[in-house]
Amino acid sequence: MIKLSDLQVKEVIVINNGSRLGHISDLEIDPDRGRIIALVIYTKDKKGGFFGKSDELMIYWEQIVTIGSDVILVKDVTGPKLYIE
């Protein structure tokens, strides 16, 4: 079993274009089944400088390709959005 603190040190990278999304800040868990639904990543707006607005990026379990020793590879990430529409 892996702990949240172990996941938080891994960097999340999109395999489609190689962009770095950052590190996991939280998890969304299904309380009925006890399974992870999504990884939550806070991204900062590059235009805002030091006080840039942060967005919440949800990486759903189906988007995870692999969890390695130091990175998490994900696919089909379009941009910050709160929930599936």
PDB file of N, CA and C in Angstrom:
ATOM      1  N   MET A   1       0.848  -1.169   0.000  1.00  0.00           N
ATOM      2  CA  MET A   1       0.000   0.000   0.000  1.00  0.00           C
ATOM      3  C   MET A   1       0.902   1.244   0.000  1.00  0.00           C
ATOM      4  N   ILE A   2       0.497   2.257  -0.743  1.00  0.00           N
ATOM      5  CA  ILE A   2       1.265   3.496  -0.839  1.00  0.00           C
ATOM      6  C   ILE A   2       0.549   4.616  -0.091  1.00  0.00           C
ATOM      7  N   LYS A   3       1.320   5.448   0.575  1.00  0.00           N
ATOM      8  CA  LYS A   3       0.754   6.552   1.351  1.00  0.00           C
ATOM      9  C   LYS A   3       0.701   7.819   0.502  1.00  0.00           C
ATOM     10  N   LEU A   4      -0.177   8.738   0.883  1.00  0.00           N
ATOM     11  CA  LEU A   4      -0.286  10.015   0.187  1.00  0.00           C
ATOM     12  C   LEU A   4       1.043  10.755   0.217  1.00  0.00           C
ATOM     13  N   SER A   5       1.742  10.714   1.331  1.00  0.00           N
ATOM     14  CA  SER A   5       3.034  11.405   1.427  1.00  0.00           C
ATOM     15  C   SER A   5       4.050  10.834   0.437  1.00  0.00           C
ATOM     16  N   ASP A   6       3.952   9.537   0.113  1.00  0.00           N
ATOM     17  CA  ASP A   6       4.832   8.943  -0.897  1.00  0.00           C
ATOM     18  C   ASP A   6       4.475   9.432  -2.296  1.00  0.00           C
ATOM     19  N   LEU A   7       3.181   9.635  -2.551  1.00  0.00           N
ATOM     20  CA  LEU A   7       2.743  10.137  -3.858  1.00  0.00           C
ATOM     21  C   LEU A   7       3.090  11.612  -4.037  1.00  0.00           C
ATOM     22  N   GLN A   8       3.065  12.384  -2.958  1.00  0.00           N
ATOM     23  CA  GLN A   8       3.281  13.821  -3.052  1.00  0.00           C
ATOM     24  C   GLN A   8       4.694  14.199  -3.471  1.00  0.00           C
ATOM     25  N   VAL A   9       5.658  13.331  -3.300  1.00  0.00           N
ATOM     26  CA  VAL A   9       7.035  13.648  -3.707  1.00  0.00           C
ATOM     27  C   VAL A   9       7.290  13.322  -5.176  1.00  0.00           C
ATOM     28  N   LYS A  10       6.365  12.635  -5.812  1.00  0.00           N
ATOM     29  CA  LYS A  10       6.514  12.279  -7.230  1.00  0.00           C
ATOM     30  C   LYS A  10       5.992  13.412  -8.114  1.00  0.00           C
ATOM     31  N   GLU A  11       6.723  13.719  -9.168  1.00  0.00           N
ATOM     32  CA  GLU A  11       6.299  14.759 -10.100  1.00  0.00           C
ATOM     33  C   GLU A  11       5.352  14.162 -11.137  1.00  0.00           C
ATOM     34  N   VAL A  12       4.315  14.903 -11.501  1.00  0.00           N
ATOM     35  CA  VAL A  12       3.320  14.447 -12.473  1.00  0.00           C
ATOM     36  C   VAL A  12       3.688  15.029 -13.839  1.00  0.00           C
ATOM     37  N   ILE A  13       3.833  14.143 -14.846  1.00  0.00           N
ATOM     38  CA  ILE A  13       4.251  14.542 -16.192  1.00  0.00           C
ATOM     39  C   ILE A  13       3.259  13.988 -17.207  1.00  0.00           C
ATOM     40  N   VAL A  14       2.891  14.827 -18.180  1.00  0.00           N
ATOM     41  CA  VAL A  14       1.984  14.425 -19.265  1.00  0.00           C
ATOM     42  C   VAL A  14       2.813  13.763 -20.362  1.00  0.00           C
ATOM     43  N   ILE A  15       2.455  12.523 -20.734  1.00  0.00           N
ATOM     44  CA  ILE A  15       3.253  11.816 -21.739  1.00  0.00           C
ATOM     45  C   ILE A  15       2.981  12.308 -23.156  1.00  0.00           C
ATOM     46  N   ASN A  16       1.840  12.969 -23.396  1.00  0.00           N
ATOM     47  CA  ASN A  16       1.519  13.446 -24.741  1.00  0.00           C
ATOM     48  C   ASN A  16       2.501  14.519 -25.219  1.00  0.00           C
ATOM     49  N   ASN A  17       2.897  15.426 -24.304  1.00  0.00           N
ATOM     50  CA  ASN A  17       3.776  16.528 -24.712  1.00  0.00           C
ATOM     51  C   ASN A  17       4.970  16.733 -23.781  1.00  0.00           C
ATOM     52  N   GLY A  18       5.105  15.932 -22.738  1.00  0.00           N
ATOM     53  CA  GLY A  18       6.239  16.027 -21.828  1.00  0.00           C
ATOM     54  C   GLY A  18       6.169  17.167 -20.822  1.00  0.00           C
ATOM     55  N   SER A  19       5.030  17.834 -20.724  1.00  0.00           N
ATOM     56  CA  SER A  19       4.935  18.964 -19.800  1.00  0.00           C
ATOM     57  C   SER A  19       4.838  18.487 -18.357  1.00  0.00           C
ATOM     58  N   ARG A  20       5.395  19.297 -17.465  1.00  0.00           N
ATOM     59  CA  ARG A  20       5.371  18.998 -16.038  1.00  0.00           C
ATOM     60  C   ARG A  20       4.201  19.717 -15.406  1.00  0.00           C
ATOM     61  N   LEU A  21       3.389  18.978 -14.673  1.00  0.00           N
ATOM     62  CA  LEU A  21       2.214  19.567 -14.035  1.00  0.00           C
ATOM     63  C   LEU A  21       2.487  19.973 -12.598  1.00  0.00           C
ATOM     64  N   GLY A  22       3.434  19.357 -11.963  1.00  0.00           N
ATOM     65  CA  GLY A  22       3.734  19.660 -10.570  1.00  0.00           C
ATOM     66  C   GLY A  22       3.612  18.423  -9.708  1.00  0.00           C
ATOM     67  N   HIS A  23       3.258  18.640  -8.444  1.00  0.00           N
ATOM     68  CA  HIS A  23       3.152  17.556  -7.478  1.00  0.00           C
ATOM     69  C   HIS A  23       1.723  17.451  -6.959  1.00  0.00           C
ATOM     70  N   ILE A  24       1.372  16.273  -6.491  1.00  0.00           N
ATOM     71  CA  ILE A  24       0.035  16.007  -5.967  1.00  0.00           C
ATOM     72  C   ILE A  24      -0.148  16.738  -4.639  1.00  0.00           C
ATOM     73  N   SER A  25      -1.289  17.379  -4.484  1.00  0.00           N
ATOM     74  CA  SER A  25      -1.577  18.046  -3.226  1.00  0.00           C
ATOM     75  C   SER A  25      -2.648  17.309  -2.419  1.00  0.00           C
ATOM     76  N   ASP A  26      -3.511  16.556  -3.115  1.00  0.00           N
ATOM     77  CA  ASP A  26      -4.593  15.878  -2.415  1.00  0.00           C
ATOM     78  C   ASP A  26      -5.127  14.749  -3.285  1.00  0.00           C
ATOM     79  N   LEU A  27      -6.004  13.936  -2.727  1.00  0.00           N
ATOM     80  CA  LEU A  27      -6.664  12.850  -3.445  1.00  0.00           C
ATOM     81  C   LEU A  27      -8.166  12.997  -3.302  1.00  0.00           C
ATOM     82  N   GLU A  28      -8.890  12.563  -4.318  1.00  0.00           N
ATOM     83  CA  GLU A  28     -10.345  12.443  -4.208  1.00  0.00           C
ATOM     84  C   GLU A  28     -10.648  10.957  -4.119  1.00  0.00           C
ATOM     85  N   ILE A  29     -11.333  10.568  -3.060  1.00  0.00           N
ATOM     86  CA  ILE A  29     -11.566   9.147  -2.776  1.00  0.00           C
ATOM     87  C   ILE A  29     -13.051   8.844  -2.760  1.00  0.00           C
ATOM     88  N   ASP A  30     -13.431   7.705  -3.338  1.00  0.00           N
ATOM     89  CA  ASP A  30     -14.809   7.221  -3.287  1.00  0.00           C
ATOM     90  C   ASP A  30     -15.031   6.613  -1.897  1.00  0.00           C
ATOM     91  N   PRO A  31     -15.887   7.224  -1.070  1.00  0.00           N
ATOM     92  CA  PRO A  31     -16.052   6.732   0.303  1.00  0.00           C
ATOM     93  C   PRO A  31     -16.735   5.365   0.392  1.00  0.00           C
ATOM     94  N   ASP A  32     -17.518   5.009  -0.615  1.00  0.00           N
ATOM     95  CA  ASP A  32     -18.231   3.737  -0.579  1.00  0.00           C
ATOM     96  C   ASP A  32     -17.310   2.556  -0.893  1.00  0.00           C
ATOM     97  N   ARG A  33     -16.428   2.741  -1.872  1.00  0.00           N
ATOM     98  CA  ARG A  33     -15.545   1.644  -2.282  1.00  0.00           C
ATOM     99  C   ARG A  33     -14.130   1.778  -1.740  1.00  0.00           C
ATOM    100  N   GLY A  34     -13.772   2.957  -1.214  1.00  0.00           N
ATOM    101  CA  GLY A  34     -12.436   3.158  -0.672  1.00  0.00           C
ATOM    102  C   GLY A  34     -11.358   3.201  -1.732  1.00  0.00           C
ATOM    103  N   ARG A  35     -11.701   3.678  -2.923  1.00  0.00           N
ATOM    104  CA  ARG A  35     -10.742   3.754  -4.038  1.00  0.00           C
ATOM    105  C   ARG A  35     -10.476   5.193  -4.429  1.00  0.00           C
ATOM    106  N   ILE A  36      -9.308   5.415  -4.994  1.00  0.00           N
ATOM    107  CA  ILE A  36      -8.946   6.748  -5.462  1.00  0.00           C
ATOM    108  C   ILE A  36      -9.692   7.050  -6.749  1.00  0.00           C
ATOM    109  N   ILE A  37     -10.368   8.202  -6.785  1.00  0.00           N
ATOM    110  CA  ILE A  37     -11.062   8.649  -7.994  1.00  0.00           C
ATOM    111  C   ILE A  37     -10.136   9.536  -8.809  1.00  0.00           C
ATOM    112  N   ALA A  38      -9.442  10.457  -8.134  1.00  0.00           N
ATOM    113  CA  ALA A  38      -8.613  11.417  -8.849  1.00  0.00           C
ATOM    114  C   ALA A  38      -7.486  11.931  -7.965  1.00  0.00           C
ATOM    115  N   LEU A  39      -6.427  12.389  -8.635  1.00  0.00           N
ATOM    116  CA  LEU A  39      -5.329  13.094  -7.992  1.00  0.00           C
ATOM    117  C   LEU A  39      -5.599  14.579  -8.162  1.00  0.00           C
ATOM    118  N   VAL A  40      -5.358  15.368  -7.135  1.00  0.00           N
ATOM    119  CA  VAL A  40      -5.576  16.811  -7.195  1.00  0.00           C
ATOM    120  C   VAL A  40      -4.215  17.501  -7.204  1.00  0.00           C
ATOM    121  N   ILE A  41      -4.016  18.358  -8.213  1.00  0.00           N
ATOM    122  CA  ILE A  41      -2.769  19.104  -8.351  1.00  0.00           C
ATOM    123  C   ILE A  41      -3.110  20.580  -8.403  1.00  0.00           C
ATOM    124  N   TYR A  42      -2.412  21.381  -7.600  1.00  0.00           N
ATOM    125  CA  TYR A  42      -2.591  22.825  -7.657  1.00  0.00           C
ATOM    126  C   TYR A  42      -1.554  23.391  -8.610  1.00  0.00           C
ATOM    127  N   THR A  43      -2.023  24.087  -9.639  1.00  0.00           N
ATOM    128  CA  THR A  43      -1.122  24.716 -10.606  1.00  0.00           C
ATOM    129  C   THR A  43      -1.216  26.218 -10.442  1.00  0.00           C
ATOM    130  N   LYS A  44      -0.103  26.899 -10.609  1.00  0.00           N
ATOM    131  CA  LYS A  44      -0.103  28.362 -10.517  1.00  0.00           C
ATOM    132  C   LYS A  44      -0.123  28.961 -11.904  1.00  0.00           C
ATOM    133  N   ASP A  45      -0.841  30.054 -12.032  1.00  0.00           N
ATOM    134  CA  ASP A  45      -0.890  30.792 -13.285  1.00  0.00           C
ATOM    135  C   ASP A  45       0.469  31.445 -13.510  1.00  0.00           C
ATOM    136  N   LYS A  46       1.108  31.172 -14.638  1.00  0.00           N
ATOM    137  CA  LYS A  46       2.445  31.691 -14.924  1.00  0.00           C
ATOM    138  C   LYS A  46       2.458  33.206 -15.089  1.00  0.00           C
ATOM    139  N   LYS A  47       1.337  33.815 -15.449  1.00  0.00           N
ATOM    140  CA  LYS A  47       1.294  35.253 -15.712  1.00  0.00           C
ATOM    141  C   LYS A  47       1.218  36.074 -14.427  1.00  0.00           C
ATOM    142  N   GLY A  48       0.792  35.477 -13.342  1.00  0.00           N
ATOM    143  CA  GLY A  48       0.557  36.227 -12.120  1.00  0.00           C
ATOM    144  C   GLY A  48       1.775  36.450 -11.255  1.00  0.00           C
ATOM    145  N   GLY A  49       2.924  35.897 -11.627  1.00  0.00           N
ATOM    146  CA  GLY A  49       4.124  36.078 -10.830  1.00  0.00           C
ATOM    147  C   GLY A  49       4.033  35.333  -9.512  1.00  0.00           C
ATOM    148  N   PHE A  50       4.617  35.920  -8.481  1.00  0.00           N
ATOM    149  CA  PHE A  50       4.668  35.276  -7.173  1.00  0.00           C
ATOM    150  C   PHE A  50       3.280  35.092  -6.577  1.00  0.00           C
ATOM    151  N   PHE A  51       2.398  36.042  -6.795  1.00  0.00           N
ATOM    152  CA  PHE A  51       1.046  35.972  -6.247  1.00  0.00           C
ATOM    153  C   PHE A  51       0.040  35.476  -7.280  1.00  0.00           C
ATOM    154  N   GLY A  52       0.487  34.608  -8.182  1.00  0.00           N
ATOM    155  CA  GLY A  52      -0.384  34.106  -9.235  1.00  0.00           C
ATOM    156  C   GLY A  52      -1.521  33.265  -8.686  1.00  0.00           C
ATOM    157  N   LYS A  53      -2.615  33.282  -9.396  1.00  0.00           N
ATOM    158  CA  LYS A  53      -3.802  32.519  -9.016  1.00  0.00           C
ATOM    159  C   LYS A  53      -3.520  31.028  -9.207  1.00  0.00           C
ATOM    160  N   SER A  54      -3.894  30.233  -8.238  1.00  0.00           N
ATOM    161  CA  SER A  54      -3.701  28.793  -8.382  1.00  0.00           C
ATOM    162  C   SER A  54      -5.011  28.145  -8.821  1.00  0.00           C
ATOM    163  N   ASP A  55      -4.896  27.174  -9.717  1.00  0.00           N
ATOM    164  CA  ASP A  55      -6.041  26.415 -10.189  1.00  0.00           C
ATOM    165  C   ASP A  55      -5.900  24.988  -9.698  1.00  0.00           C
ATOM    166  N   GLU A  56      -7.023  24.325  -9.607  1.00  0.00           N
ATOM    167  CA  GLU A  56      -7.037  22.930  -9.198  1.00  0.00           C
ATOM    168  C   GLU A  56      -7.163  22.073 -10.448  1.00  0.00           C
ATOM    169  N   LEU A  57      -6.248  21.152 -10.616  1.00  0.00           N
ATOM    170  CA  LEU A  57      -6.254  20.261 -11.767  1.00  0.00           C
ATOM    171  C   LEU A  57      -6.570  18.860 -11.266  1.00  0.00           C
ATOM    172  N   MET A  58      -7.619  18.269 -11.817  1.00  0.00           N
ATOM    173  CA  MET A  58      -8.020  16.921 -11.434  1.00  0.00           C
ATOM    174  C   MET A  58      -7.472  15.936 -12.471  1.00  0.00           C
ATOM    175  N   ILE A  59      -6.689  14.983 -12.009  1.00  0.00           N
ATOM    176  CA  ILE A  59      -6.188  13.903 -12.863  1.00  0.00           C
ATOM    177  C   ILE A  59      -6.939  12.645 -12.433  1.00  0.00           C
ATOM    178  N   TYR A  60      -7.849  12.182 -13.275  1.00  0.00           N
ATOM    179  CA  TYR A  60      -8.674  11.035 -12.923  1.00  0.00           C
ATOM    180  C   TYR A  60      -7.890   9.738 -13.101  1.00  0.00           C
ATOM    181  N   TRP A  61      -8.250   8.740 -12.322  1.00  0.00           N
ATOM    182  CA  TRP A  61      -7.520   7.479 -12.255  1.00  0.00           C
ATOM    183  C   TRP A  61      -7.326   6.864 -13.644  1.00  0.00           C
ATOM    184  N   GLU A  62      -8.299   7.024 -14.524  1.00  0.00           N
ATOM    185  CA  GLU A  62      -8.215   6.460 -15.869  1.00  0.00           C
ATOM    186  C   GLU A  62      -7.134   7.139 -16.706  1.00  0.00           C
ATOM    187  N   GLN A  63      -6.714   8.348 -16.321  1.00  0.00           N
ATOM    188  CA  GLN A  63      -5.701   9.086 -17.064  1.00  0.00           C
ATOM    189  C   GLN A  63      -4.280   8.710 -16.657  1.00  0.00           C
ATOM    190  N   ILE A  64      -4.119   7.980 -15.576  1.00  0.00           N
ATOM    191  CA  ILE A  64      -2.791   7.595 -15.103  1.00  0.00           C
ATOM    192  C   ILE A  64      -2.281   6.433 -15.934  1.00  0.00           C
ATOM    193  N   VAL A  65      -1.089   6.612 -16.520  1.00  0.00           N
ATOM    194  CA  VAL A  65      -0.470   5.557 -17.313  1.00  0.00           C
ATOM    195  C   VAL A  65       0.357   4.650 -16.407  1.00  0.00           C
ATOM    196  N   THR A  66       1.222   5.256 -15.595  1.00  0.00           N
ATOM    197  CA  THR A  66       2.048   4.482 -14.678  1.00  0.00           C
ATOM    198  C   THR A  66       2.514   5.350 -13.519  1.00  0.00           C
ATOM    199  N   ILE A  67       2.758   4.702 -12.409  1.00  0.00           N
ATOM    200  CA  ILE A  67       3.327   5.367 -11.243  1.00  0.00           C
ATOM    201  C   ILE A  67       4.703   4.761 -11.039  1.00  0.00           C
ATOM    202  N   GLY A  68       5.727   5.573 -11.317  1.00  0.00           N
ATOM    203  CA  GLY A  68       7.101   5.106 -11.201  1.00  0.00           C
ATOM    204  C   GLY A  68       7.701   5.429  -9.852  1.00  0.00           C
ATOM    205  N   SER A  69       9.013   5.244  -9.743  1.00  0.00           N
ATOM    206  CA  SER A  69       9.690   5.483  -8.468  1.00  0.00           C
ATOM    207  C   SER A  69       9.791   6.969  -8.137  1.00  0.00           C
ATOM    208  N   ASP A  70       9.850   7.840  -9.177  1.00  0.00           N
ATOM    209  CA  ASP A  70       9.955   9.277  -8.900  1.00  0.00           C
ATOM    210  C   ASP A  70       9.023  10.146  -9.735  1.00  0.00           C
ATOM    211  N   VAL A  71       8.267   9.561 -10.666  1.00  0.00           N
ATOM    212  CA  VAL A  71       7.311  10.328 -11.472  1.00  0.00           C
ATOM    213  C   VAL A  71       6.005   9.555 -11.630  1.00  0.00           C
ATOM    214  N   ILE A  72       4.953  10.311 -11.945  1.00  0.00           N
ATOM    215  CA  ILE A  72       3.661   9.733 -12.309  1.00  0.00           C
ATOM    216  C   ILE A  72       3.368  10.203 -13.722  1.00  0.00           C
ATOM    217  N   LEU A  73       3.223   9.273 -14.648  1.00  0.00           N
ATOM    218  CA  LEU A  73       2.940   9.613 -16.038  1.00  0.00           C
ATOM    219  C   LEU A  73       1.444   9.556 -16.280  1.00  0.00           C
ATOM    220  N   VAL A  74       0.918  10.636 -16.881  1.00  0.00           N
ATOM    221  CA  VAL A  74      -0.514  10.721 -17.154  1.00  0.00           C
ATOM    222  C   VAL A  74      -0.730  11.052 -18.623  1.00  0.00           C
ATOM    223  N   LYS A  75      -1.962  10.846 -19.110  1.00  0.00           N
ATOM    224  CA  LYS A  75      -2.285  11.126 -20.515  1.00  0.00           C
ATOM    225  C   LYS A  75      -3.563  11.935 -20.601  1.00  0.00           C
ATOM    226  N   ASP A  76      -3.750  12.570 -21.747  1.00  0.00           N
ATOM    227  CA  ASP A  76      -4.996  13.271 -22.087  1.00  0.00           C
ATOM    228  C   ASP A  76      -5.397  14.334 -21.070  1.00  0.00           C
ATOM    229  N   VAL A  77      -4.446  15.138 -20.641  1.00  0.00           N
ATOM    230  CA  VAL A  77      -4.733  16.239 -19.722  1.00  0.00           C
ATOM    231  C   VAL A  77      -4.874  17.502 -20.549  1.00  0.00           C
ATOM    232  N   THR A  78      -6.041  18.141 -20.463  1.00  0.00           N
ATOM    233  CA  THR A  78      -6.304  19.325 -21.291  1.00  0.00           C
ATOM    234  C   THR A  78      -6.040  20.622 -20.564  1.00  0.00           C
ATOM    235  N   GLY A  79      -6.309  20.693 -19.277  1.00  0.00           N
ATOM    236  CA  GLY A  79      -6.098  21.923 -18.524  1.00  0.00           C
ATOM    237  C   GLY A  79      -6.840  21.884 -17.216  1.00  0.00           C
ATOM    238  N   PRO A  80      -6.677  22.903 -16.408  1.00  0.00           N
ATOM    239  CA  PRO A  80      -7.339  22.919 -15.100  1.00  0.00           C
ATOM    240  C   PRO A  80      -8.853  22.911 -15.226  1.00  0.00           C
ATOM    241  N   LYS A  81      -9.482  21.992 -14.525  1.00  0.00           N
ATOM    242  CA  LYS A  81     -10.931  21.968 -14.409  1.00  0.00           C
ATOM    243  C   LYS A  81     -11.280  21.260 -13.117  1.00  0.00           C
ATOM    244  N   LEU A  82     -12.374  21.640 -12.545  1.00  0.00           N
ATOM    245  CA  LEU A  82     -12.698  21.134 -11.220  1.00  0.00           C
ATOM    246  C   LEU A  82     -13.296  19.746 -11.238  1.00  0.00           C
ATOM    247  N   TYR A  83     -14.281  19.503 -12.079  1.00  0.00           N
ATOM    248  CA  TYR A  83     -14.934  18.207 -12.121  1.00  0.00           C
ATOM    249  C   TYR A  83     -15.268  17.846 -13.557  1.00  0.00           C
ATOM    250  N   ILE A  84     -15.510  16.566 -13.789  1.00  0.00           N
ATOM    251  CA  ILE A  84     -15.916  16.112 -15.125  1.00  0.00           C
ATOM    252  C   ILE A  84     -17.279  16.710 -15.429  1.00  0.00           C
ATOM    253  N   GLU A  85     -17.419  17.209 -16.642  1.00  0.00           N
ATOM    254  CA  GLU A  85     -18.688  17.853 -17.040  1.00  0.00           C
ATOM    255  C   GLU A  85     -19.603  16.850 -17.683  1.00  0.00           C
TER     256      GLU A  85
END
